[in-house]
């Protein structure tokens, strides 16, 4: 009877709180550092911000290219852009060719 009481008191005083602490520690660790925890959320939020910035840069570049394409459509060609493209093509010739751009008169 005495042993039973001592085992019961030992179990109640030490083992149950230890198991409860281990379970709370396990879930607490994974809530903070797990694959869906606080740190993972923070990393995903940072990555999302970087991806949004990159997407905005790509959208801006796309809008600039669409504008340049619109300037070259039939019916309303921008001759300044045509001249700019022609100069770029002439200056980007073969490596042995030297092109000297002139100032417009």
PDB file of N, CA and C in Angstrom:
ATOM      1  N   UNK A   1       0.819  -1.173   0.000  1.00  0.00           N
ATOM      2  CA  UNK A   1       0.000   0.000   0.000  1.00  0.00           C
ATOM      3  C   UNK A   1       0.875   1.254   0.000  1.00  0.00           C
ATOM      4  N   UNK A   2       1.900   1.183   0.797  1.00  0.00           N
ATOM      5  CA  UNK A   2       2.811   2.303   0.882  1.00  0.00           C
ATOM      6  C   UNK A   2       3.557   2.527  -0.441  1.00  0.00           C
ATOM      7  N   UNK A   3       3.955   1.449  -1.065  1.00  0.00           N
ATOM      8  CA  UNK A   3       4.664   1.543  -2.341  1.00  0.00           C
ATOM      9  C   UNK A   3       3.725   2.100  -3.409  1.00  0.00           C
ATOM     10  N   UNK A   4       2.513   1.648  -3.358  1.00  0.00           N
ATOM     11  CA  UNK A   4       1.529   2.117  -4.318  1.00  0.00           C
ATOM     12  C   UNK A   4       1.314   3.624  -4.176  1.00  0.00           C
ATOM     13  N   UNK A   5       1.227   4.084  -2.960  1.00  0.00           N
ATOM     14  CA  UNK A   5       1.056   5.506  -2.704  1.00  0.00           C
ATOM     15  C   UNK A   5       2.296   6.283  -3.145  1.00  0.00           C
ATOM     16  N   UNK A   6       3.463   5.756  -2.907  1.00  0.00           N
ATOM     17  CA  UNK A   6       4.693   6.455  -3.286  1.00  0.00           C
ATOM     18  C   UNK A   6       4.846   6.482  -4.804  1.00  0.00           C
ATOM     19  N   UNK A   7       4.486   5.414  -5.514  1.00  0.00           N
ATOM     20  CA  UNK A   7       4.535   5.395  -6.975  1.00  0.00           C
ATOM     21  C   UNK A   7       3.516   6.383  -7.533  1.00  0.00           C
ATOM     22  N   UNK A   8       2.347   6.388  -6.908  1.00  0.00           N
ATOM     23  CA  UNK A   8       1.303   7.292  -7.343  1.00  0.00           C
ATOM     24  C   UNK A   8       1.718   8.752  -7.138  1.00  0.00           C
ATOM     25  N   UNK A   9       2.314   9.068  -6.039  1.00  0.00           N
ATOM     26  CA  UNK A   9       2.744  10.445  -5.780  1.00  0.00           C
ATOM     27  C   UNK A   9       3.925  10.811  -6.686  1.00  0.00           C
ATOM     28  N   UNK A  10       4.837   9.850  -6.932  1.00  0.00           N
ATOM     29  CA  UNK A  10       5.962  10.106  -7.827  1.00  0.00           C
ATOM     30  C   UNK A  10       5.451  10.365  -9.249  1.00  0.00           C
ATOM     31  N   UNK A  11       4.529   9.527  -9.679  1.00  0.00           N
ATOM     32  CA  UNK A  11       3.972   9.666 -11.013  1.00  0.00           C
ATOM     33  C   UNK A  11       3.240  10.997 -11.157  1.00  0.00           C
ATOM     34  N   UNK A  12       2.484  11.361 -10.159  1.00  0.00           N
ATOM     35  CA  UNK A  12       1.726  12.617 -10.199  1.00  0.00           C
ATOM     36  C   UNK A  12       2.619  13.835 -10.080  1.00  0.00           C
ATOM     37  N   UNK A  13       3.696  13.731  -9.331  1.00  0.00           N
ATOM     38  CA  UNK A  13       4.535  14.896  -9.072  1.00  0.00           C
ATOM     39  C   UNK A  13       5.615  15.096 -10.126  1.00  0.00           C
ATOM     40  N   UNK A  14       6.092  14.057 -10.766  1.00  0.00           N
ATOM     41  CA  UNK A  14       7.225  14.181 -11.672  1.00  0.00           C
ATOM     42  C   UNK A  14       6.878  13.824 -13.120  1.00  0.00           C
ATOM     43  N   UNK A  15       6.297  12.694 -13.347  1.00  0.00           N
ATOM     44  CA  UNK A  15       6.127  12.170 -14.699  1.00  0.00           C
ATOM     45  C   UNK A  15       5.080  12.951 -15.493  1.00  0.00           C
ATOM     46  N   UNK A  16       3.940  13.223 -14.931  1.00  0.00           N
ATOM     47  CA  UNK A  16       2.887  13.933 -15.659  1.00  0.00           C
ATOM     48  C   UNK A  16       3.338  15.352 -16.041  1.00  0.00           C
ATOM     49  N   UNK A  17       3.914  16.138 -15.122  1.00  0.00           N
ATOM     50  CA  UNK A  17       4.403  17.458 -15.550  1.00  0.00           C
ATOM     51  C   UNK A  17       5.539  17.366 -16.580  1.00  0.00           C
ATOM     52  N   UNK A  18       6.385  16.347 -16.482  1.00  0.00           N
ATOM     53  CA  UNK A  18       7.470  16.190 -17.450  1.00  0.00           C
ATOM     54  C   UNK A  18       6.914  15.886 -18.837  1.00  0.00           C
ATOM     55  N   UNK A  19       5.931  15.010 -18.911  1.00  0.00           N
ATOM     56  CA  UNK A  19       5.307  14.690 -20.189  1.00  0.00           C
ATOM     57  C   UNK A  19       4.577  15.914 -20.747  1.00  0.00           C
ATOM     58  N   UNK A  20       3.872  16.620 -19.872  1.00  0.00           N
ATOM     59  CA  UNK A  20       3.168  17.834 -20.313  1.00  0.00           C
ATOM     60  C   UNK A  20       4.156  18.882 -20.821  1.00  0.00           C
ATOM     61  N   UNK A  21       5.268  19.041 -20.125  1.00  0.00           N
ATOM     62  CA  UNK A  21       6.290  19.985 -20.548  1.00  0.00           C
ATOM     63  C   UNK A  21       6.906  19.571 -21.881  1.00  0.00           C
ATOM     64  N   UNK A  22       7.135  18.284 -22.069  1.00  0.00           N
ATOM     65  CA  UNK A  22       7.698  17.802 -23.326  1.00  0.00           C
ATOM     66  C   UNK A  22       6.728  18.040 -24.485  1.00  0.00           C
ATOM     67  N   UNK A  23       5.451  17.777 -24.277  1.00  0.00           N
ATOM     68  CA  UNK A  23       4.450  17.994 -25.325  1.00  0.00           C
ATOM     69  C   UNK A  23       4.342  19.486 -25.647  1.00  0.00           C
ATOM     70  N   UNK A  24       4.309  20.332 -24.620  1.00  0.00           N
ATOM     71  CA  UNK A  24       4.232  21.780 -24.839  1.00  0.00           C
ATOM     72  C   UNK A  24       5.496  22.282 -25.545  1.00  0.00           C
ATOM     73  N   UNK A  25       6.643  21.759 -25.165  1.00  0.00           N
ATOM     74  CA  UNK A  25       7.890  22.147 -25.825  1.00  0.00           C
ATOM     75  C   UNK A  25       7.921  21.722 -27.279  1.00  0.00           C
ATOM     76  N   UNK A  26       7.438  20.527 -27.560  1.00  0.00           N
ATOM     77  CA  UNK A  26       7.392  20.021 -28.940  1.00  0.00           C
ATOM     78  C   UNK A  26       6.530  20.929 -29.812  1.00  0.00           C
ATOM     79  N   UNK A  27       5.308  21.192 -29.378  1.00  0.00           N
ATOM     80  CA  UNK A  27       4.414  22.032 -30.172  1.00  0.00           C
ATOM     81  C   UNK A  27       4.895  23.479 -30.222  1.00  0.00           C
ATOM     82  N   UNK A  28       5.484  23.956 -29.134  1.00  0.00           N
ATOM     83  CA  UNK A  28       6.024  25.314 -29.119  1.00  0.00           C
ATOM     84  C   UNK A  28       7.176  25.463 -30.093  1.00  0.00           C
ATOM     85  N   UNK A  29       8.068  24.485 -30.143  1.00  0.00           N
ATOM     86  CA  UNK A  29       9.196  24.522 -31.081  1.00  0.00           C
ATOM     87  C   UNK A  29       8.698  24.561 -32.523  1.00  0.00           C
ATOM     88  N   UNK A  30       7.757  23.700 -32.859  1.00  0.00           N
ATOM     89  CA  UNK A  30       7.258  23.663 -34.226  1.00  0.00           C
ATOM     90  C   UNK A  30       6.368  24.858 -34.563  1.00  0.00           C
ATOM     91  N   UNK A  31       5.759  25.475 -33.560  1.00  0.00           N
ATOM     92  CA  UNK A  31       4.993  26.699 -33.826  1.00  0.00           C
ATOM     93  C   UNK A  31       5.934  27.846 -34.171  1.00  0.00           C
ATOM     94  N   UNK A  32       7.143  27.825 -33.659  1.00  0.00           N
ATOM     95  CA  UNK A  32       8.098  28.892 -33.919  1.00  0.00           C
ATOM     96  C   UNK A  32       9.034  28.569 -35.073  1.00  0.00           C
ATOM     97  N   UNK A  33       9.573  27.341 -35.096  1.00  0.00           N
ATOM     98  CA  UNK A  33      10.640  27.006 -36.035  1.00  0.00           C
ATOM     99  C   UNK A  33      10.255  25.910 -37.023  1.00  0.00           C
ATOM    100  N   UNK A  34       9.023  25.495 -37.055  1.00  0.00           N
ATOM    101  CA  UNK A  34       8.613  24.407 -37.936  1.00  0.00           C
ATOM    102  C   UNK A  34       8.415  24.863 -39.365  1.00  0.00           C
ATOM    103  N   UNK A  35       8.038  23.937 -40.251  1.00  0.00           N
ATOM    104  CA  UNK A  35       7.864  24.278 -41.660  1.00  0.00           C
ATOM    105  C   UNK A  35       6.726  25.277 -41.909  1.00  0.00           C
ATOM    106  N   UNK A  36       5.788  25.389 -40.996  1.00  0.00           N
ATOM    107  CA  UNK A  36       4.711  26.370 -41.111  1.00  0.00           C
ATOM    108  C   UNK A  36       4.678  27.296 -39.899  1.00  0.00           C
ATOM    109  N   UNK A  37       5.819  27.435 -39.256  1.00  0.00           N
ATOM    110  CA  UNK A  37       5.908  28.250 -38.046  1.00  0.00           C
ATOM    111  C   UNK A  37       6.134  29.718 -38.336  1.00  0.00           C
ATOM    112  N   UNK A  38       6.442  30.447 -37.257  1.00  0.00           N
ATOM    113  CA  UNK A  38       6.618  31.884 -37.336  1.00  0.00           C
ATOM    114  C   UNK A  38       7.790  32.267 -38.241  1.00  0.00           C
ATOM    115  N   UNK A  39       8.910  31.596 -38.115  1.00  0.00           N
ATOM    116  CA  UNK A  39      10.074  31.926 -38.939  1.00  0.00           C
ATOM    117  C   UNK A  39       9.827  31.625 -40.411  1.00  0.00           C
ATOM    118  N   UNK A  40       9.132  30.540 -40.703  1.00  0.00           N
ATOM    119  CA  UNK A  40       8.805  30.209 -42.097  1.00  0.00           C
ATOM    120  C   UNK A  40       7.866  31.264 -42.681  1.00  0.00           C
ATOM    121  N   UNK A  41       6.930  31.740 -41.872  1.00  0.00           N
ATOM    122  CA  UNK A  41       6.028  32.794 -42.318  1.00  0.00           C
ATOM    123  C   UNK A  41       6.811  34.067 -42.625  1.00  0.00           C
ATOM    124  N   UNK A  42       7.753  34.383 -41.763  1.00  0.00           N
ATOM    125  CA  UNK A  42       8.568  35.587 -41.954  1.00  0.00           C
ATOM    126  C   UNK A  42       9.427  35.466 -43.225  1.00  0.00           C
ATOM    127  N   UNK A  43      10.026  34.294 -43.450  1.00  0.00           N
ATOM    128  CA  UNK A  43      10.813  34.070 -44.669  1.00  0.00           C
ATOM    129  C   UNK A  43       9.937  34.172 -45.916  1.00  0.00           C
ATOM    130  N   UNK A  44       8.746  33.597 -45.867  1.00  0.00           N
ATOM    131  CA  UNK A  44       7.836  33.640 -47.013  1.00  0.00           C
ATOM    132  C   UNK A  44       7.375  35.073 -47.283  1.00  0.00           C
ATOM    133  N   UNK A  45       7.142  35.842 -46.227  1.00  0.00           N
ATOM    134  CA  UNK A  45       6.730  37.233 -46.386  1.00  0.00           C
ATOM    135  C   UNK A  45       7.842  38.054 -47.021  1.00  0.00           C
ATOM    136  N   UNK A  46       9.087  37.828 -46.612  1.00  0.00           N
ATOM    137  CA  UNK A  46      10.224  38.527 -47.193  1.00  0.00           C
ATOM    138  C   UNK A  46      10.404  38.145 -48.664  1.00  0.00           C
ATOM    139  N   UNK A  47      10.270  36.869 -48.962  1.00  0.00           N
ATOM    140  CA  UNK A  47      10.394  36.400 -50.353  1.00  0.00           C
ATOM    141  C   UNK A  47       9.279  36.976 -51.218  1.00  0.00           C
ATOM    142  N   UNK A  48       8.081  37.072 -50.666  1.00  0.00           N
ATOM    143  CA  UNK A  48       6.957  37.638 -51.405  1.00  0.00           C
ATOM    144  C   UNK A  48       7.216  39.105 -51.739  1.00  0.00           C
ATOM    145  N   UNK A  49       7.764  39.853 -50.799  1.00  0.00           N
ATOM    146  CA  UNK A  49       8.079  41.262 -51.060  1.00  0.00           C
ATOM    147  C   UNK A  49       9.131  41.384 -52.162  1.00  0.00           C
ATOM    148  N   UNK A  50      10.145  40.534 -52.135  1.00  0.00           N
ATOM    149  CA  UNK A  50      11.179  40.564 -53.178  1.00  0.00           C
ATOM    150  C   UNK A  50      10.589  40.185 -54.531  1.00  0.00           C
ATOM    151  N   UNK A  51       9.730  39.181 -54.558  1.00  0.00           N
ATOM    152  CA  UNK A  51       9.097  38.770 -55.815  1.00  0.00           C
ATOM    153  C   UNK A  51       8.167  39.852 -56.354  1.00  0.00           C
ATOM    154  N   UNK A  52       7.460  40.559 -55.459  1.00  0.00           N
ATOM    155  CA  UNK A  52       6.600  41.662 -55.899  1.00  0.00           C
ATOM    156  C   UNK A  52       7.420  42.786 -56.523  1.00  0.00           C
ATOM    157  N   UNK A  53       8.575  43.087 -55.926  1.00  0.00           N
ATOM    158  CA  UNK A  53       9.441  44.123 -56.485  1.00  0.00           C
ATOM    159  C   UNK A  53       9.945  43.707 -57.863  1.00  0.00           C
ATOM    160  N   UNK A  54      10.318  42.446 -58.008  1.00  0.00           N
ATOM    161  CA  UNK A  54      10.780  41.952 -59.310  1.00  0.00           C
ATOM    162  C   UNK A  54       9.637  41.984 -60.330  1.00  0.00           C
ATOM    163  N   UNK A  55       8.443  41.619 -59.907  1.00  0.00           N
ATOM    164  CA  UNK A  55       7.287  41.645 -60.806  1.00  0.00           C
ATOM    165  C   UNK A  55       6.992  43.065 -61.266  1.00  0.00           C
ATOM    166  N   UNK A  56       7.082  44.032 -60.358  1.00  0.00           N
ATOM    167  CA  UNK A  56       6.849  45.425 -60.748  1.00  0.00           C
ATOM    168  C   UNK A  56       7.894  45.893 -61.755  1.00  0.00           C
ATOM    169  N   UNK A  57       9.136  45.477 -61.583  1.00  0.00           N
ATOM    170  CA  UNK A  57      10.175  45.820 -62.551  1.00  0.00           C
ATOM    171  C   UNK A  57       9.891  45.223 -63.920  1.00  0.00           C
ATOM    172  N   UNK A  58       9.451  43.990 -63.945  1.00  0.00           N
ATOM    173  CA  UNK A  58       9.125  43.331 -65.220  1.00  0.00           C
ATOM    174  C   UNK A  58       7.914  43.997 -65.876  1.00  0.00           C
ATOM    175  N   UNK A  59       6.922  44.377 -65.058  1.00  0.00           N
ATOM    176  CA  UNK A  59       5.749  45.064 -65.625  1.00  0.00           C
ATOM    177  C   UNK A  59       6.134  46.411 -66.214  1.00  0.00           C
ATOM    178  N   UNK A  60       7.026  47.139 -65.545  1.00  0.00           N
ATOM    179  CA  UNK A  60       7.484  48.424 -66.082  1.00  0.00           C
ATOM    180  C   UNK A  60       8.238  48.234 -67.398  1.00  0.00           C
ATOM    181  N   UNK A  61       9.118  47.244 -67.452  1.00  0.00           N
ATOM    182  CA  UNK A  61       9.853  46.970 -68.691  1.00  0.00           C
ATOM    183  C   UNK A  61       8.886  46.569 -69.803  1.00  0.00           C
ATOM    184  N   UNK A  62       7.876  45.783 -69.460  1.00  0.00           N
ATOM    185  CA  UNK A  62       6.881  45.365 -70.447  1.00  0.00           C
ATOM    186  C   UNK A  62       6.101  46.566 -70.970  1.00  0.00           C
ATOM    187  N   UNK A  63       5.736  47.495 -70.081  1.00  0.00           N
ATOM    188  CA  UNK A  63       5.003  48.684 -70.506  1.00  0.00           C
ATOM    189  C   UNK A  63       5.873  49.546 -71.428  1.00  0.00           C
ATOM    190  N   UNK A  64       7.167  49.681 -71.126  1.00  0.00           N
ATOM    191  CA  UNK A  64       8.057  50.453 -71.991  1.00  0.00           C
ATOM    192  C   UNK A  64       8.165  49.810 -73.369  1.00  0.00           C
ATOM    193  N   UNK A  65       8.307  48.472 -73.408  1.00  0.00           N
ATOM    194  CA  UNK A  65       8.400  47.784 -74.699  1.00  0.00           C
ATOM    195  C   UNK A  65       7.104  47.912 -75.495  1.00  0.00           C
ATOM    196  N   UNK A  66       5.960  47.798 -74.815  1.00  0.00           N
ATOM    197  CA  UNK A  66       4.683  47.961 -75.520  1.00  0.00           C
ATOM    198  C   UNK A  66       4.559  49.365 -76.098  1.00  0.00           C
ATOM    199  N   UNK A  67       5.038  50.352 -75.355  1.00  0.00           N
ATOM    200  CA  UNK A  67       4.988  51.727 -75.848  1.00  0.00           C
ATOM    201  C   UNK A  67       5.865  51.878 -77.089  1.00  0.00           C
ATOM    202  N   UNK A  68       7.046  51.300 -77.068  1.00  0.00           N
ATOM    203  CA  UNK A  68       7.933  51.384 -78.235  1.00  0.00           C
ATOM    204  C   UNK A  68       7.334  50.650 -79.430  1.00  0.00           C
ATOM    205  N   UNK A  69       6.679  49.529 -79.176  1.00  0.00           N
ATOM    206  CA  UNK A  69       6.027  48.787 -80.270  1.00  0.00           C
ATOM    207  C   UNK A  69       4.883  49.615 -80.843  1.00  0.00           C
ATOM    208  N   UNK A  70       4.118  50.271 -79.965  1.00  0.00           N
ATOM    209  CA  UNK A  70       3.023  51.119 -80.452  1.00  0.00           C
ATOM    210  C   UNK A  70       3.545  52.270 -81.301  1.00  0.00           C
ATOM    211  N   UNK A  71       4.741  52.766 -80.972  1.00  0.00           N
ATOM    212  CA  UNK A  71       5.311  53.861 -81.755  1.00  0.00           C
ATOM    213  C   UNK A  71       5.740  53.412 -83.152  1.00  0.00           C
ATOM    214  N   UNK A  72       5.924  52.113 -83.353  1.00  0.00           N
ATOM    215  CA  UNK A  72       6.362  51.600 -84.654  1.00  0.00           C
ATOM    216  C   UNK A  72       5.230  50.972 -85.473  1.00  0.00           C
ATOM    217  N   UNK A  73       3.998  51.082 -85.042  1.00  0.00           N
ATOM    218  CA  UNK A  73       2.873  50.493 -85.769  1.00  0.00           C
ATOM    219  C   UNK A  73       2.619  51.264 -87.063  1.00  0.00           C
ATOM    220  N   UNK A  74       2.068  50.551 -88.051  1.00  0.00           N
ATOM    221  CA  UNK A  74       1.740  51.185 -89.330  1.00  0.00           C
ATOM    222  C   UNK A  74       0.713  52.293 -89.116  1.00  0.00           C
ATOM    223  N   UNK A  75       0.881  53.349 -89.862  1.00  0.00           N
ATOM    224  CA  UNK A  75      -0.086  54.440 -89.788  1.00  0.00           C
ATOM    225  C   UNK A  75       0.400  55.602 -88.955  1.00  0.00           C
ATOM    226  N   UNK A  76       1.134  55.339 -87.894  1.00  0.00           N
ATOM    227  CA  UNK A  76       1.638  56.434 -87.065  1.00  0.00           C
ATOM    228  C   UNK A  76       3.027  56.071 -86.534  1.00  0.00           C
ATOM    229  N   UNK A  77       3.975  56.045 -87.438  1.00  0.00           N
ATOM    230  CA  UNK A  77       5.357  55.685 -87.096  1.00  0.00           C
ATOM    231  C   UNK A  77       6.054  56.912 -86.522  1.00  0.00           C
ATOM    232  N   UNK A  78       6.763  56.723 -85.426  1.00  0.00           N
ATOM    233  CA  UNK A  78       7.571  57.787 -84.836  1.00  0.00           C
ATOM    234  C   UNK A  78       8.950  57.741 -85.497  1.00  0.00           C
ATOM    235  N   UNK A  79       9.248  58.725 -86.320  1.00  0.00           N
ATOM    236  CA  UNK A  79      10.481  58.710 -87.098  1.00  0.00           C
ATOM    237  C   UNK A  79      11.722  58.889 -86.221  1.00  0.00           C
ATOM    238  N   UNK A  80      11.584  59.531 -85.079  1.00  0.00           N
ATOM    239  CA  UNK A  80      12.725  59.657 -84.171  1.00  0.00           C
ATOM    240  C   UNK A  80      13.144  58.285 -83.632  1.00  0.00           C
ATOM    241  N   UNK A  81      12.155  57.449 -83.319  1.00  0.00           N
ATOM    242  CA  UNK A  81      12.467  56.110 -82.839  1.00  0.00           C
ATOM    243  C   UNK A  81      13.094  55.267 -83.947  1.00  0.00           C
ATOM    244  N   UNK A  82      12.609  55.414 -85.161  1.00  0.00           N
ATOM    245  CA  UNK A  82      13.180  54.675 -86.287  1.00  0.00           C
ATOM    246  C   UNK A  82      14.635  55.082 -86.473  1.00  0.00           C
ATOM    247  N   UNK A  83      14.910  56.364 -86.389  1.00  0.00           N
ATOM    248  CA  UNK A  83      16.286  56.834 -86.532  1.00  0.00           C
ATOM    249  C   UNK A  83      17.165  56.307 -85.398  1.00  0.00           C
ATOM    250  N   UNK A  84      16.624  56.302 -84.193  1.00  0.00           N
ATOM    251  CA  UNK A  84      17.385  55.775 -83.042  1.00  0.00           C
ATOM    252  C   UNK A  84      17.721  54.303 -83.234  1.00  0.00           C
ATOM    253  N   UNK A  85      16.759  53.531 -83.691  1.00  0.00           N
ATOM    254  CA  UNK A  85      17.001  52.105 -83.920  1.00  0.00           C
ATOM    255  C   UNK A  85      18.006  51.885 -85.045  1.00  0.00           C
ATOM    256  N   UNK A  86      17.927  52.696 -86.082  1.00  0.00           N
ATOM    257  CA  UNK A  86      18.866  52.562 -87.192  1.00  0.00           C
ATOM    258  C   UNK A  86      20.286  52.893 -86.732  1.00  0.00           C
ATOM    259  N   UNK A  87      20.441  53.924 -85.926  1.00  0.00           N
ATOM    260  CA  UNK A  87      21.767  54.257 -85.408  1.00  0.00           C
ATOM    261  C   UNK A  87      22.313  53.142 -84.530  1.00  0.00           C
ATOM    262  N   UNK A  88      21.462  52.593 -83.683  1.00  0.00           N
ATOM    263  CA  UNK A  88      21.911  51.479 -82.839  1.00  0.00           C
ATOM    264  C   UNK A  88      22.376  50.308 -83.686  1.00  0.00           C
ATOM    265  N   UNK A  89      21.658  50.018 -84.752  1.00  0.00           N
ATOM    266  CA  UNK A  89      22.040  48.909 -85.624  1.00  0.00           C
ATOM    267  C   UNK A  89      23.342  49.204 -86.357  1.00  0.00           C
ATOM    268  N   UNK A  90      23.517  50.428 -86.776  1.00  0.00           N
ATOM    269  CA  UNK A  90      24.740  50.770 -87.501  1.00  0.00           C
ATOM    270  C   UNK A  90      25.945  50.771 -86.566  1.00  0.00           C
ATOM    271  N   UNK A  91      25.767  51.237 -85.335  1.00  0.00           N
ATOM    272  CA  UNK A  91      26.882  51.284 -84.390  1.00  0.00           C
ATOM    273  C   UNK A  91      27.207  49.907 -83.828  1.00  0.00           C
ATOM    274  N   UNK A  92      26.276  48.985 -83.914  1.00  0.00           N
ATOM    275  CA  UNK A  92      26.506  47.638 -83.394  1.00  0.00           C
ATOM    276  C   UNK A  92      26.893  46.697 -84.524  1.00  0.00           C
ATOM    277  N   UNK A  93      27.663  47.179 -85.471  1.00  0.00           N
ATOM    278  CA  UNK A  93      28.083  46.357 -86.610  1.00  0.00           C
ATOM    279  C   UNK A  93      29.124  45.345 -86.187  1.00  0.00           C
ATOM    280  N   UNK A  94      29.876  44.874 -87.151  1.00  0.00           N
ATOM    281  CA  UNK A  94      30.900  43.876 -86.853  1.00  0.00           C
ATOM    282  C   UNK A  94      32.047  44.527 -86.076  1.00  0.00           C
ATOM    283  N   UNK A  95      32.838  43.749 -85.368  1.00  0.00           N
ATOM    284  CA  UNK A  95      33.905  44.316 -84.543  1.00  0.00           C
ATOM    285  C   UNK A  95      34.969  45.057 -85.333  1.00  0.00           C
ATOM    286  N   UNK A  96      35.148  44.733 -86.590  1.00  0.00           N
ATOM    287  CA  UNK A  96      36.192  45.392 -87.371  1.00  0.00           C
ATOM    288  C   UNK A  96      35.731  46.728 -87.957  1.00  0.00           C
ATOM    289  N   UNK A  97      34.441  47.021 -87.876  1.00  0.00           N
ATOM    290  CA  UNK A  97      33.901  48.251 -88.444  1.00  0.00           C
ATOM    291  C   UNK A  97      33.890  49.326 -87.369  1.00  0.00           C
ATOM    292  N   UNK A  98      34.353  50.499 -87.724  1.00  0.00           N
ATOM    293  CA  UNK A  98      34.342  51.622 -86.804  1.00  0.00           C
ATOM    294  C   UNK A  98      33.325  52.624 -87.325  1.00  0.00           C
ATOM    295  N   UNK A  99      32.364  52.973 -86.480  1.00  0.00           N
ATOM    296  CA  UNK A  99      31.346  53.946 -86.860  1.00  0.00           C
ATOM    297  C   UNK A  99      31.478  55.149 -85.947  1.00  0.00           C
ATOM    298  N   UNK A 100      31.491  56.318 -86.547  1.00  0.00           N
ATOM    299  CA  UNK A 100      31.606  57.559 -85.790  1.00  0.00           C
ATOM    300  C   UNK A 100      30.275  58.293 -85.914  1.00  0.00           C
ATOM    301  N   UNK A 101      29.546  58.427 -84.801  1.00  0.00           N
ATOM    302  CA  UNK A 101      28.264  59.132 -84.893  1.00  0.00           C
ATOM    303  C   UNK A 101      28.504  60.622 -85.091  1.00  0.00           C
ATOM    304  N   UNK A 102      27.665  61.234 -85.952  1.00  0.00           N
ATOM    305  CA  UNK A 102      27.752  62.673 -86.180  1.00  0.00           C
ATOM    306  C   UNK A 102      26.663  63.380 -85.404  1.00  0.00           C
ATOM    307  N   UNK A 103      26.957  64.612 -85.067  1.00  0.00           N
ATOM    308  CA  UNK A 103      25.940  65.424 -84.426  1.00  0.00           C
ATOM    309  C   UNK A 103      24.979  65.924 -85.506  1.00  0.00           C
ATOM    310  N   UNK A 104      23.682  65.971 -85.183  1.00  0.00           N
ATOM    311  CA  UNK A 104      22.759  66.485 -86.186  1.00  0.00           C
ATOM    312  C   UNK A 104      22.988  67.988 -86.417  1.00  0.00           C
ATOM    313  N   UNK A 105      22.743  68.452 -87.627  1.00  0.00           N
ATOM    314  CA  UNK A 105      22.985  69.858 -87.978  1.00  0.00           C
ATOM    315  C   UNK A 105      21.866  70.714 -87.525  1.00  0.00           C
TER     316      UNK A 105
END
